Amino acid sequence: MSEDIYVFEAIDVKPPVTEAEVEAKIAVGKYQKVVWEYDGRIGDGYFVKVGESGVIGLAMTPNLDEDGVLRHRGICIEGNPLDEAHRDATIEDELREVLADFGTAPDGTARTFGGAIYIQKDDVEYSVSVEEGLVVRKRVAPQKARAEQEQLHNLSVTEYEADLLRQMVALDIHDWKSGDMPTDPMDPDFARRRAEASEALLAKLNEILG
């Protein structure tokens, strides 16, 4: 049995890809439109994945530009974790297709691709990004290790304020366990990571408050 592979975060694209561009690609069969609700996910807009069985694509949302045209939130993953038929090796090939198809805006402007998609396999994590027009995969420190390296901040709060924060964090954990925590279509793993961070923070608050 193979390990679960989680993919999160997204690649931002500027200037944004327009609905007219993706509709043209859908019309010739290069991309497929997937309404969020098809996958039982929460969120407005729809997903435009590469091909019929693609893993990544463009997340389109109802945010309108100055011309009243839908804009996308970025290049992201459709589902998490990846199943046996869609392992992470396909992500780079599909990202290259997106670059080829949407790398240049209709007015000839070269688009920039910022940020990265992160691939997590147990304790090993990689980033897939676009650097100078090329798709690059790098091994990075896992999110837990990065969090441990973050600078600590001292914050002065009253006991009441600390207890209030503890209640809010506990509510977040409850929502996660009951399935009521809001999800992000562009980052399906966000709720799980938030719940884990909340549990760590709750442990600290319980130690402080007793």
N, C-alpha and C. Protein backbone atom coordinates (compact mmCIF):
# COMPACT_ATOMS: atom_id res chain seq x y z
N MET A 1 0.86 -1.20 0.00
CA MET A 1 0.00 0.00 0.00
C MET A 1 0.89 1.24 0.00
N SER A 2 0.67 2.14 -0.95
CA SER A 2 1.52 3.31 -1.07
C SER A 2 1.10 4.39 -0.09
N GLU A 3 2.02 5.31 0.15
CA GLU A 3 1.76 6.39 1.10
C GLU A 3 0.83 7.44 0.51
N ASP A 4 0.12 8.15 1.38
CA ASP A 4 -0.70 9.27 0.92
C ASP A 4 0.20 10.41 0.50
N ILE A 5 -0.20 11.10 -0.55
CA ILE A 5 0.54 12.26 -1.03
C ILE A 5 -0.40 13.45 -0.98
N TYR A 6 -0.05 14.46 -0.19
CA TYR A 6 -0.87 15.65 -0.07
C TYR A 6 -0.25 16.80 -0.85
N VAL A 7 -1.08 17.58 -1.48
CA VAL A 7 -0.62 18.72 -2.26
C VAL A 7 -1.38 19.95 -1.79
N PHE A 8 -0.68 21.07 -1.58
CA PHE A 8 -1.35 22.26 -1.07
C PHE A 8 -0.66 23.52 -1.57
N GLU A 9 -1.23 24.66 -1.24
CA GLU A 9 -0.81 25.98 -1.72
C GLU A 9 -1.10 26.09 -3.22
N ALA A 10 -0.65 27.16 -3.84
CA ALA A 10 -0.99 27.40 -5.23
C ALA A 10 0.04 28.30 -5.88
N ILE A 11 -0.04 28.37 -7.19
CA ILE A 11 0.82 29.25 -7.96
C ILE A 11 -0.03 30.40 -8.49
N ASP A 12 0.36 31.60 -8.17
CA ASP A 12 -0.38 32.79 -8.60
C ASP A 12 0.05 33.17 -10.01
N VAL A 13 -0.89 33.67 -10.79
CA VAL A 13 -0.61 34.03 -12.17
C VAL A 13 -1.01 35.48 -12.42
N LYS A 14 -0.08 36.26 -12.95
CA LYS A 14 -0.36 37.67 -13.25
C LYS A 14 0.15 38.01 -14.64
N PRO A 15 -0.65 38.72 -15.46
CA PRO A 15 -2.05 39.08 -15.21
C PRO A 15 -2.94 37.84 -15.20
N PRO A 16 -4.08 37.92 -14.50
CA PRO A 16 -4.95 36.75 -14.35
C PRO A 16 -5.43 36.19 -15.67
N VAL A 17 -5.64 34.88 -15.70
CA VAL A 17 -6.23 34.22 -16.86
C VAL A 17 -7.72 34.53 -16.88
N THR A 18 -8.26 34.85 -18.02
CA THR A 18 -9.67 35.22 -18.13
C THR A 18 -10.54 34.00 -18.44
N GLU A 19 -11.82 34.15 -18.18
CA GLU A 19 -12.76 33.07 -18.47
C GLU A 19 -12.79 32.75 -19.96
N ALA A 20 -12.67 33.79 -20.80
CA ALA A 20 -12.69 33.57 -22.25
C ALA A 20 -11.54 32.67 -22.69
N GLU A 21 -10.38 32.83 -22.07
CA GLU A 21 -9.23 32.00 -22.42
C GLU A 21 -9.46 30.54 -22.07
N VAL A 22 -9.96 30.27 -20.86
CA VAL A 22 -10.15 28.89 -20.46
C VAL A 22 -11.31 28.26 -21.22
N GLU A 23 -12.33 29.04 -21.54
CA GLU A 23 -13.45 28.49 -22.31
C GLU A 23 -12.98 28.06 -23.69
N ALA A 24 -12.04 28.80 -24.27
CA ALA A 24 -11.52 28.45 -25.59
C ALA A 24 -10.76 27.12 -25.52
N LYS A 25 -10.01 26.90 -24.43
CA LYS A 25 -9.27 25.64 -24.27
C LYS A 25 -10.21 24.48 -23.98
N ILE A 26 -11.28 24.75 -23.23
CA ILE A 26 -12.27 23.71 -22.95
C ILE A 26 -12.95 23.28 -24.24
N ALA A 27 -13.22 24.25 -25.11
CA ALA A 27 -13.93 23.98 -26.36
C ALA A 27 -13.17 23.02 -27.28
N VAL A 28 -11.83 23.05 -27.21
CA VAL A 28 -11.04 22.16 -28.08
C VAL A 28 -10.59 20.90 -27.33
N GLY A 29 -11.09 20.71 -26.13
CA GLY A 29 -10.84 19.48 -25.39
C GLY A 29 -9.53 19.40 -24.63
N LYS A 30 -8.80 20.51 -24.51
CA LYS A 30 -7.52 20.47 -23.79
C LYS A 30 -7.70 20.51 -22.28
N TYR A 31 -8.84 21.08 -21.86
CA TYR A 31 -9.11 21.22 -20.42
C TYR A 31 -10.55 20.79 -20.15
N GLN A 32 -10.82 20.47 -18.90
CA GLN A 32 -12.17 20.04 -18.52
C GLN A 32 -12.66 20.88 -17.36
N LYS A 33 -13.90 21.33 -17.46
CA LYS A 33 -14.51 22.14 -16.41
C LYS A 33 -15.12 21.24 -15.35
N VAL A 34 -14.78 21.51 -14.09
CA VAL A 34 -15.31 20.73 -12.97
C VAL A 34 -15.93 21.70 -11.97
N VAL A 35 -17.23 21.59 -11.75
CA VAL A 35 -17.89 22.43 -10.75
C VAL A 35 -17.51 21.89 -9.37
N TRP A 36 -17.21 22.80 -8.43
CA TRP A 36 -16.77 22.37 -7.11
C TRP A 36 -17.68 21.31 -6.51
N GLU A 37 -18.98 21.50 -6.67
CA GLU A 37 -19.93 20.61 -6.00
C GLU A 37 -19.83 19.17 -6.49
N TYR A 38 -19.26 18.96 -7.69
CA TYR A 38 -19.11 17.61 -8.21
C TYR A 38 -18.27 16.76 -7.26
N ASP A 39 -17.31 17.40 -6.61
CA ASP A 39 -16.43 16.69 -5.70
C ASP A 39 -16.83 16.87 -4.25
N GLY A 40 -18.02 17.43 -4.02
CA GLY A 40 -18.49 17.63 -2.66
C GLY A 40 -17.70 18.69 -1.91
N ARG A 41 -17.14 19.65 -2.64
CA ARG A 41 -16.31 20.66 -2.01
C ARG A 41 -17.06 21.97 -1.88
N ILE A 42 -16.61 22.78 -0.92
CA ILE A 42 -17.26 24.05 -0.65
C ILE A 42 -16.54 25.15 -1.42
N GLY A 43 -17.29 26.05 -2.02
CA GLY A 43 -16.65 27.17 -2.71
C GLY A 43 -17.41 27.55 -3.97
N ASP A 44 -17.29 28.79 -4.35
CA ASP A 44 -17.93 29.27 -5.56
C ASP A 44 -16.98 29.10 -6.74
N GLY A 45 -17.52 29.28 -7.94
CA GLY A 45 -16.68 29.17 -9.12
C GLY A 45 -16.54 27.73 -9.57
N TYR A 46 -15.46 27.46 -10.30
CA TYR A 46 -15.24 26.12 -10.81
C TYR A 46 -13.75 25.90 -11.06
N PHE A 47 -13.41 24.65 -11.35
CA PHE A 47 -12.03 24.26 -11.56
C PHE A 47 -11.86 23.86 -13.02
N VAL A 48 -10.75 24.25 -13.62
CA VAL A 48 -10.47 23.90 -15.01
C VAL A 48 -9.20 23.06 -15.00
N LYS A 49 -9.35 21.74 -15.11
CA LYS A 49 -8.18 20.86 -15.00
C LYS A 49 -7.61 20.51 -16.36
N VAL A 50 -6.34 20.12 -16.35
CA VAL A 50 -5.64 19.77 -17.57
C VAL A 50 -6.14 18.41 -18.06
N GLY A 51 -6.74 18.38 -19.26
CA GLY A 51 -7.23 17.13 -19.81
C GLY A 51 -8.38 16.54 -19.03
N GLU A 52 -8.74 15.30 -19.36
CA GLU A 52 -9.86 14.65 -18.70
C GLU A 52 -9.48 14.07 -17.33
N SER A 53 -8.21 13.75 -17.15
CA SER A 53 -7.80 13.11 -15.90
C SER A 53 -6.68 13.88 -15.22
N GLY A 54 -6.66 15.19 -15.42
CA GLY A 54 -5.60 16.01 -14.85
C GLY A 54 -5.67 16.12 -13.34
N VAL A 55 -4.52 16.47 -12.76
CA VAL A 55 -4.42 16.65 -11.31
C VAL A 55 -4.50 18.13 -10.95
N ILE A 56 -3.85 18.98 -11.74
CA ILE A 56 -3.87 20.41 -11.44
C ILE A 56 -4.63 21.18 -12.51
N GLY A 57 -4.88 22.45 -12.24
CA GLY A 57 -5.58 23.29 -13.19
C GLY A 57 -5.77 24.68 -12.61
N LEU A 58 -6.67 25.44 -13.20
CA LEU A 58 -6.95 26.80 -12.77
C LEU A 58 -8.23 26.85 -11.96
N ALA A 59 -8.16 27.51 -10.81
CA ALA A 59 -9.35 27.68 -9.97
C ALA A 59 -10.01 29.00 -10.34
N MET A 60 -11.16 28.95 -10.94
CA MET A 60 -11.89 30.15 -11.34
C MET A 60 -12.88 30.53 -10.24
N THR A 61 -12.98 31.80 -9.93
CA THR A 61 -13.87 32.27 -8.88
C THR A 61 -14.76 33.39 -9.42
N PRO A 62 -15.83 33.74 -8.68
CA PRO A 62 -16.73 34.79 -9.15
C PRO A 62 -16.19 36.19 -8.92
N ASN A 63 -14.89 36.35 -8.63
CA ASN A 63 -14.33 37.69 -8.51
C ASN A 63 -14.21 38.31 -9.90
N LEU A 64 -14.79 39.47 -10.10
CA LEU A 64 -14.81 40.09 -11.42
C LEU A 64 -13.75 41.17 -11.55
N ASP A 65 -13.18 41.27 -12.75
CA ASP A 65 -12.23 42.36 -13.00
C ASP A 65 -13.00 43.59 -13.45
N GLU A 66 -12.27 44.62 -13.91
CA GLU A 66 -12.93 45.87 -14.28
C GLU A 66 -13.87 45.73 -15.48
N ASP A 67 -13.70 44.64 -16.24
CA ASP A 67 -14.57 44.40 -17.39
C ASP A 67 -15.69 43.42 -17.07
N GLY A 68 -15.83 43.04 -15.79
CA GLY A 68 -16.88 42.12 -15.40
C GLY A 68 -16.60 40.68 -15.79
N VAL A 69 -15.31 40.34 -15.94
CA VAL A 69 -14.92 39.00 -16.35
C VAL A 69 -14.38 38.22 -15.15
N LEU A 70 -14.74 36.93 -15.06
CA LEU A 70 -14.25 36.09 -13.97
C LEU A 70 -12.73 35.98 -13.99
N ARG A 71 -12.14 36.06 -12.82
CA ARG A 71 -10.70 35.84 -12.70
C ARG A 71 -10.46 34.56 -11.91
N HIS A 72 -9.26 34.00 -12.02
CA HIS A 72 -8.94 32.78 -11.29
C HIS A 72 -8.11 33.08 -10.06
N ARG A 73 -8.04 32.12 -9.16
CA ARG A 73 -7.26 32.30 -7.93
C ARG A 73 -5.86 31.73 -8.08
N GLY A 74 -5.60 30.98 -9.12
CA GLY A 74 -4.27 30.44 -9.31
C GLY A 74 -4.29 29.01 -9.79
N ILE A 75 -3.10 28.44 -9.94
CA ILE A 75 -2.95 27.06 -10.36
C ILE A 75 -2.88 26.21 -9.09
N CYS A 76 -3.76 25.23 -8.98
CA CYS A 76 -3.80 24.45 -7.75
C CYS A 76 -4.19 23.02 -8.03
N ILE A 77 -4.34 22.24 -6.97
CA ILE A 77 -4.68 20.82 -7.08
C ILE A 77 -6.20 20.66 -7.05
N GLU A 78 -6.72 19.63 -7.71
CA GLU A 78 -8.16 19.41 -7.68
C GLU A 78 -8.59 18.62 -6.46
N GLY A 79 -7.85 17.56 -6.13
CA GLY A 79 -8.28 16.71 -5.01
C GLY A 79 -7.11 16.33 -4.12
N ASN A 80 -7.40 15.96 -2.87
CA ASN A 80 -6.37 15.58 -1.91
C ASN A 80 -6.90 14.48 -1.00
N PRO A 81 -6.11 13.49 -0.62
CA PRO A 81 -4.78 13.22 -1.17
C PRO A 81 -4.88 12.64 -2.57
N LEU A 82 -3.77 12.58 -3.28
CA LEU A 82 -3.77 12.01 -4.61
C LEU A 82 -4.02 10.50 -4.53
N ASP A 83 -4.81 9.97 -5.45
CA ASP A 83 -5.07 8.54 -5.43
C ASP A 83 -4.04 7.81 -6.30
N GLU A 84 -4.18 6.51 -6.37
CA GLU A 84 -3.19 5.70 -7.07
C GLU A 84 -3.06 6.09 -8.55
N ALA A 85 -4.18 6.50 -9.16
CA ALA A 85 -4.16 6.82 -10.58
C ALA A 85 -3.52 8.17 -10.87
N HIS A 86 -3.36 9.00 -9.85
CA HIS A 86 -2.83 10.34 -10.05
C HIS A 86 -1.74 10.63 -9.02
N ARG A 87 -0.56 10.13 -9.28
CA ARG A 87 0.54 10.40 -8.37
C ARG A 87 1.19 11.72 -8.74
N ASP A 88 2.05 12.22 -7.88
CA ASP A 88 2.54 13.59 -8.04
C ASP A 88 3.45 13.79 -9.24
N ALA A 89 3.94 12.71 -9.87
CA ALA A 89 4.85 12.85 -11.00
C ALA A 89 4.19 13.59 -12.17
N THR A 90 2.85 13.55 -12.23
CA THR A 90 2.16 14.19 -13.35
C THR A 90 2.04 15.70 -13.18
N ILE A 91 2.26 16.19 -11.97
CA ILE A 91 2.05 17.61 -11.71
C ILE A 91 2.95 18.49 -12.56
N GLU A 92 4.23 18.13 -12.67
CA GLU A 92 5.15 18.96 -13.44
C GLU A 92 4.79 18.99 -14.92
N ASP A 93 4.43 17.83 -15.49
CA ASP A 93 4.05 17.80 -16.91
C ASP A 93 2.82 18.65 -17.16
N GLU A 94 1.84 18.57 -16.25
CA GLU A 94 0.62 19.36 -16.43
C GLU A 94 0.89 20.84 -16.26
N LEU A 95 1.79 21.20 -15.33
CA LEU A 95 2.13 22.60 -15.14
C LEU A 95 2.81 23.16 -16.39
N ARG A 96 3.63 22.35 -17.04
CA ARG A 96 4.25 22.79 -18.29
C ARG A 96 3.19 23.06 -19.36
N GLU A 97 2.13 22.25 -19.38
CA GLU A 97 1.03 22.49 -20.33
C GLU A 97 0.34 23.82 -20.04
N VAL A 98 0.11 24.10 -18.75
CA VAL A 98 -0.52 25.37 -18.37
C VAL A 98 0.36 26.54 -18.80
N LEU A 99 1.67 26.42 -18.61
CA LEU A 99 2.58 27.48 -19.01
C LEU A 99 2.53 27.70 -20.52
N ALA A 100 2.50 26.60 -21.27
CA ALA A 100 2.46 26.71 -22.73
C ALA A 100 1.16 27.35 -23.21
N ASP A 101 0.06 27.01 -22.54
CA ASP A 101 -1.25 27.49 -22.99
C ASP A 101 -1.60 28.89 -22.48
N PHE A 102 -1.12 29.25 -21.28
CA PHE A 102 -1.52 30.53 -20.69
C PHE A 102 -0.33 31.41 -20.29
N GLY A 103 0.86 31.07 -20.78
CA GLY A 103 2.05 31.84 -20.42
C GLY A 103 2.04 33.26 -20.94
N THR A 104 1.27 33.50 -21.98
CA THR A 104 1.17 34.82 -22.57
C THR A 104 -0.28 35.27 -22.59
N ALA A 105 -0.56 36.48 -22.12
CA ALA A 105 -1.93 37.02 -22.11
C ALA A 105 -2.35 37.36 -23.54
N PRO A 106 -3.66 37.50 -23.78
CA PRO A 106 -4.14 37.83 -25.13
C PRO A 106 -3.52 39.09 -25.73
N ASP A 107 -3.13 40.05 -24.88
CA ASP A 107 -2.53 41.28 -25.40
C ASP A 107 -1.03 41.16 -25.63
N GLY A 108 -0.50 39.94 -25.44
CA GLY A 108 0.92 39.72 -25.67
C GLY A 108 1.79 39.86 -24.44
N THR A 109 1.20 40.23 -23.30
CA THR A 109 1.97 40.38 -22.06
C THR A 109 2.41 39.01 -21.54
N ALA A 110 3.69 38.89 -21.22
CA ALA A 110 4.19 37.64 -20.64
C ALA A 110 3.72 37.53 -19.20
N ARG A 111 3.07 36.45 -18.85
CA ARG A 111 2.57 36.28 -17.50
C ARG A 111 3.69 35.82 -16.56
N THR A 112 3.55 36.21 -15.29
CA THR A 112 4.47 35.75 -14.26
C THR A 112 3.76 34.73 -13.38
N PHE A 113 4.53 33.78 -12.88
CA PHE A 113 3.98 32.70 -12.08
C PHE A 113 4.72 32.69 -10.74
N GLY A 114 4.05 33.15 -9.68
CA GLY A 114 4.68 33.25 -8.37
C GLY A 114 4.15 32.20 -7.41
N GLY A 115 4.89 32.01 -6.30
CA GLY A 115 4.47 31.02 -5.32
C GLY A 115 4.84 29.62 -5.77
N ALA A 116 4.27 28.62 -5.12
CA ALA A 116 4.61 27.23 -5.42
C ALA A 116 3.50 26.29 -4.98
N ILE A 117 3.50 25.11 -5.57
CA ILE A 117 2.66 24.00 -5.12
C ILE A 117 3.56 23.10 -4.29
N TYR A 118 3.10 22.71 -3.10
CA TYR A 118 3.91 21.87 -2.22
C TYR A 118 3.37 20.45 -2.21
N ILE A 119 4.28 19.50 -2.29
CA ILE A 119 3.93 18.08 -2.31
C ILE A 119 4.51 17.44 -1.05
N GLN A 120 3.66 16.85 -0.25
CA GLN A 120 4.10 16.26 1.03
C GLN A 120 3.90 14.76 1.02
N LYS A 121 5.01 14.02 1.19
CA LYS A 121 4.96 12.57 1.30
C LYS A 121 5.54 12.22 2.67
N ASP A 122 4.68 11.90 3.59
CA ASP A 122 5.12 11.64 4.97
C ASP A 122 5.95 12.83 5.46
N ASP A 123 7.24 12.60 5.77
CA ASP A 123 8.07 13.68 6.31
C ASP A 123 8.91 14.37 5.24
N VAL A 124 8.70 14.03 3.98
CA VAL A 124 9.46 14.64 2.89
C VAL A 124 8.55 15.60 2.14
N GLU A 125 9.06 16.78 1.86
CA GLU A 125 8.24 17.79 1.19
C GLU A 125 9.02 18.43 0.04
N TYR A 126 8.31 18.66 -1.06
CA TYR A 126 8.91 19.28 -2.23
C TYR A 126 8.08 20.50 -2.63
N SER A 127 8.74 21.44 -3.28
CA SER A 127 8.01 22.56 -3.87
C SER A 127 8.16 22.46 -5.38
N VAL A 128 7.07 22.75 -6.09
CA VAL A 128 7.10 22.81 -7.55
C VAL A 128 6.72 24.23 -7.93
N SER A 129 7.61 24.91 -8.61
CA SER A 129 7.39 26.32 -8.95
C SER A 129 7.87 26.60 -10.36
N VAL A 130 7.69 27.85 -10.76
CA VAL A 130 8.14 28.29 -12.09
C VAL A 130 9.26 29.30 -11.90
N GLU A 131 10.43 28.98 -12.44
CA GLU A 131 11.57 29.87 -12.34
C GLU A 131 12.13 30.13 -13.74
N GLU A 132 12.08 31.40 -14.15
CA GLU A 132 12.56 31.80 -15.47
C GLU A 132 11.93 30.97 -16.58
N GLY A 133 10.63 30.74 -16.43
CA GLY A 133 9.88 30.02 -17.46
C GLY A 133 10.00 28.51 -17.41
N LEU A 134 10.74 27.98 -16.44
CA LEU A 134 10.92 26.54 -16.33
C LEU A 134 10.26 26.01 -15.07
N VAL A 135 9.73 24.78 -15.14
CA VAL A 135 9.12 24.13 -13.99
C VAL A 135 10.24 23.48 -13.17
N VAL A 136 10.31 23.84 -11.89
CA VAL A 136 11.39 23.38 -11.03
C VAL A 136 10.83 22.71 -9.78
N ARG A 137 11.37 21.53 -9.45
CA ARG A 137 11.01 20.84 -8.20
C ARG A 137 12.21 20.88 -7.26
N LYS A 138 11.96 21.26 -6.01
CA LYS A 138 13.02 21.31 -5.01
C LYS A 138 12.54 20.64 -3.72
N ARG A 139 13.46 19.99 -3.04
CA ARG A 139 13.14 19.45 -1.72
C ARG A 139 13.26 20.57 -0.70
N VAL A 140 12.26 20.69 0.16
CA VAL A 140 12.25 21.77 1.15
C VAL A 140 12.01 21.17 2.53
N ALA A 141 12.25 21.99 3.56
CA ALA A 141 11.98 21.54 4.92
C ALA A 141 10.48 21.37 5.10
N PRO A 142 10.02 20.27 5.71
CA PRO A 142 8.58 20.09 5.94
C PRO A 142 8.00 21.25 6.72
N GLN A 143 6.71 21.47 6.58
CA GLN A 143 6.06 22.60 7.22
C GLN A 143 6.29 22.60 8.73
N LYS A 144 6.27 21.41 9.36
CA LYS A 144 6.48 21.34 10.80
C LYS A 144 7.87 21.85 11.17
N ALA A 145 8.87 21.44 10.36
CA ALA A 145 10.24 21.89 10.64
C ALA A 145 10.37 23.39 10.42
N ARG A 146 9.69 23.90 9.39
CA ARG A 146 9.74 25.34 9.13
C ARG A 146 9.10 26.11 10.27
N ALA A 147 8.01 25.56 10.80
CA ALA A 147 7.32 26.24 11.90
C ALA A 147 8.21 26.30 13.14
N GLU A 148 8.98 25.22 13.37
CA GLU A 148 9.87 25.18 14.53
C GLU A 148 11.00 26.19 14.40
N GLN A 149 11.32 26.58 13.15
CA GLN A 149 12.40 27.52 12.91
C GLN A 149 11.92 28.97 12.95
N GLU A 150 10.61 29.16 13.01
CA GLU A 150 10.07 30.51 12.99
C GLU A 150 10.45 31.26 14.28
N GLN A 151 10.59 32.56 14.12
CA GLN A 151 10.95 33.40 15.26
C GLN A 151 9.81 33.44 16.28
N LEU A 152 10.16 33.28 17.54
CA LEU A 152 9.16 33.35 18.61
C LEU A 152 8.89 34.81 18.97
N HIS A 153 7.63 35.10 19.28
CA HIS A 153 7.24 36.45 19.66
C HIS A 153 6.71 36.45 21.08
N ASN A 154 7.06 37.45 21.85
CA ASN A 154 6.53 37.62 23.19
C ASN A 154 5.29 38.51 23.13
N LEU A 155 4.22 38.05 23.75
CA LEU A 155 2.96 38.78 23.71
C LEU A 155 2.41 38.88 25.12
N SER A 156 2.14 40.09 25.55
CA SER A 156 1.59 40.30 26.90
C SER A 156 0.06 40.31 26.83
N VAL A 157 -0.56 39.36 27.52
CA VAL A 157 -2.02 39.29 27.55
C VAL A 157 -2.45 39.01 28.98
N THR A 158 -3.69 39.36 29.29
CA THR A 158 -4.24 39.06 30.60
C THR A 158 -4.66 37.60 30.64
N GLU A 159 -4.90 37.09 31.85
CA GLU A 159 -5.35 35.71 31.98
C GLU A 159 -6.69 35.52 31.28
N TYR A 160 -7.54 36.54 31.38
CA TYR A 160 -8.84 36.46 30.70
C TYR A 160 -8.66 36.35 29.19
N GLU A 161 -7.75 37.17 28.63
CA GLU A 161 -7.51 37.15 27.19
C GLU A 161 -6.94 35.81 26.74
N ALA A 162 -6.03 35.24 27.54
CA ALA A 162 -5.46 33.94 27.21
C ALA A 162 -6.53 32.85 27.25
N ASP A 163 -7.44 32.93 28.23
CA ASP A 163 -8.51 31.95 28.33
C ASP A 163 -9.48 32.09 27.17
N LEU A 164 -9.73 33.32 26.75
CA LEU A 164 -10.61 33.56 25.61
C LEU A 164 -9.99 32.95 24.34
N LEU A 165 -8.69 33.13 24.18
CA LEU A 165 -8.00 32.54 23.04
C LEU A 165 -8.08 31.02 23.09
N ARG A 166 -7.94 30.46 24.29
CA ARG A 166 -8.04 29.01 24.44
C ARG A 166 -9.41 28.50 24.00
N GLN A 167 -10.46 29.23 24.35
CA GLN A 167 -11.80 28.82 23.95
C GLN A 167 -11.97 28.87 22.43
N MET A 168 -11.42 29.90 21.82
CA MET A 168 -11.53 30.05 20.36
C MET A 168 -10.78 28.92 19.64
N VAL A 169 -9.59 28.59 20.16
CA VAL A 169 -8.80 27.52 19.56
C VAL A 169 -9.50 26.18 19.74
N ALA A 170 -10.07 25.95 20.91
CA ALA A 170 -10.80 24.71 21.17
C ALA A 170 -12.00 24.58 20.24
N LEU A 171 -12.63 25.70 19.93
CA LEU A 171 -13.77 25.68 19.01
C LEU A 171 -13.31 25.30 17.60
N ASP A 172 -12.16 25.79 17.20
CA ASP A 172 -11.60 25.42 15.90
C ASP A 172 -11.37 23.91 15.82
N ILE A 173 -10.82 23.35 16.87
CA ILE A 173 -10.55 21.91 16.90
C ILE A 173 -11.86 21.12 16.85
N HIS A 174 -12.86 21.61 17.59
CA HIS A 174 -14.18 20.95 17.58
C HIS A 174 -14.77 20.97 16.18
N ASP A 175 -14.68 22.12 15.50
CA ASP A 175 -15.22 22.23 14.14
C ASP A 175 -14.53 21.26 13.19
N TRP A 176 -13.21 21.11 13.36
CA TRP A 176 -12.46 20.19 12.51
C TRP A 176 -12.92 18.75 12.73
N LYS A 177 -13.06 18.34 13.99
CA LYS A 177 -13.43 16.97 14.30
C LYS A 177 -14.87 16.66 13.90
N SER A 178 -15.72 17.69 13.91
CA SER A 178 -17.13 17.48 13.55
C SER A 178 -17.38 17.68 12.05
N GLY A 179 -16.34 18.10 11.33
CA GLY A 179 -16.49 18.30 9.89
C GLY A 179 -17.10 19.63 9.52
N ASP A 180 -17.16 20.56 10.48
CA ASP A 180 -17.79 21.86 10.21
C ASP A 180 -16.80 22.97 9.88
N MET A 181 -15.50 22.66 9.92
CA MET A 181 -14.52 23.71 9.61
C MET A 181 -14.58 24.06 8.13
N PRO A 182 -14.64 25.36 7.79
CA PRO A 182 -14.69 25.76 6.37
C PRO A 182 -13.46 25.26 5.63
N THR A 183 -13.64 24.92 4.35
CA THR A 183 -12.53 24.45 3.52
C THR A 183 -12.21 25.48 2.46
N ASP A 184 -11.03 25.35 1.90
CA ASP A 184 -10.58 26.25 0.84
C ASP A 184 -10.39 25.44 -0.43
N PRO A 185 -11.19 25.69 -1.48
CA PRO A 185 -11.06 24.90 -2.71
C PRO A 185 -9.66 24.94 -3.30
N MET A 186 -8.92 26.03 -3.04
CA MET A 186 -7.59 26.15 -3.61
C MET A 186 -6.55 25.44 -2.76
N ASP A 187 -6.89 25.11 -1.53
CA ASP A 187 -5.95 24.46 -0.62
C ASP A 187 -6.71 23.46 0.22
N PRO A 188 -7.02 22.27 -0.34
CA PRO A 188 -7.85 21.30 0.36
C PRO A 188 -7.27 20.83 1.68
N ASP A 189 -5.97 20.93 1.87
CA ASP A 189 -5.34 20.44 3.09
C ASP A 189 -5.26 21.50 4.18
N PHE A 190 -5.78 22.71 3.89
CA PHE A 190 -5.66 23.82 4.83
C PHE A 190 -6.31 23.52 6.17
N ALA A 191 -7.53 22.96 6.14
CA ALA A 191 -8.27 22.72 7.39
C ALA A 191 -7.50 21.76 8.30
N ARG A 192 -6.92 20.71 7.72
CA ARG A 192 -6.16 19.76 8.54
C ARG A 192 -4.95 20.43 9.18
N ARG A 193 -4.23 21.23 8.40
CA ARG A 193 -3.04 21.89 8.94
C ARG A 193 -3.43 22.90 10.02
N ARG A 194 -4.55 23.59 9.81
CA ARG A 194 -5.00 24.55 10.82
C ARG A 194 -5.37 23.84 12.11
N ALA A 195 -6.04 22.69 11.99
CA ALA A 195 -6.43 21.94 13.18
C ALA A 195 -5.20 21.46 13.95
N GLU A 196 -4.19 21.01 13.23
CA GLU A 196 -2.96 20.57 13.90
C GLU A 196 -2.28 21.73 14.63
N ALA A 197 -2.25 22.90 13.98
CA ALA A 197 -1.65 24.08 14.62
C ALA A 197 -2.47 24.50 15.83
N SER A 198 -3.80 24.38 15.74
CA SER A 198 -4.67 24.74 16.86
C SER A 198 -4.44 23.82 18.04
N GLU A 199 -4.24 22.52 17.77
CA GLU A 199 -4.00 21.57 18.87
C GLU A 199 -2.68 21.88 19.57
N ALA A 200 -1.67 22.27 18.79
CA ALA A 200 -0.38 22.62 19.39
C ALA A 200 -0.51 23.88 20.24
N LEU A 201 -1.27 24.87 19.73
CA LEU A 201 -1.46 26.11 20.48
C LEU A 201 -2.28 25.86 21.74
N LEU A 202 -3.29 24.99 21.65
CA LEU A 202 -4.11 24.68 22.82
C LEU A 202 -3.26 24.05 23.91
N ALA A 203 -2.34 23.18 23.53
CA ALA A 203 -1.47 22.54 24.52
C ALA A 203 -0.63 23.58 25.25
N LYS A 204 -0.14 24.58 24.52
CA LYS A 204 0.64 25.65 25.13
C LYS A 204 -0.20 26.47 26.09
N LEU A 205 -1.44 26.79 25.66
CA LEU A 205 -2.32 27.60 26.50
C LEU A 205 -2.73 26.84 27.76
N ASN A 206 -2.97 25.55 27.60
CA ASN A 206 -3.34 24.75 28.78
C ASN A 206 -2.18 24.70 29.78
N GLU A 207 -0.96 24.64 29.26
CA GLU A 207 0.22 24.63 30.14
C GLU A 207 0.37 25.95 30.88
N ILE A 208 0.07 27.04 30.17
CA ILE A 208 0.20 28.37 30.79
C ILE A 208 -0.90 28.61 31.83
N LEU A 209 -2.13 28.26 31.47
CA LEU A 209 -3.27 28.58 32.33
C LEU A 209 -3.52 27.51 33.40
N GLY A 210 -3.01 26.29 33.14
CA GLY A 210 -3.20 25.24 34.13
C GLY A 210 -4.60 24.65 34.10
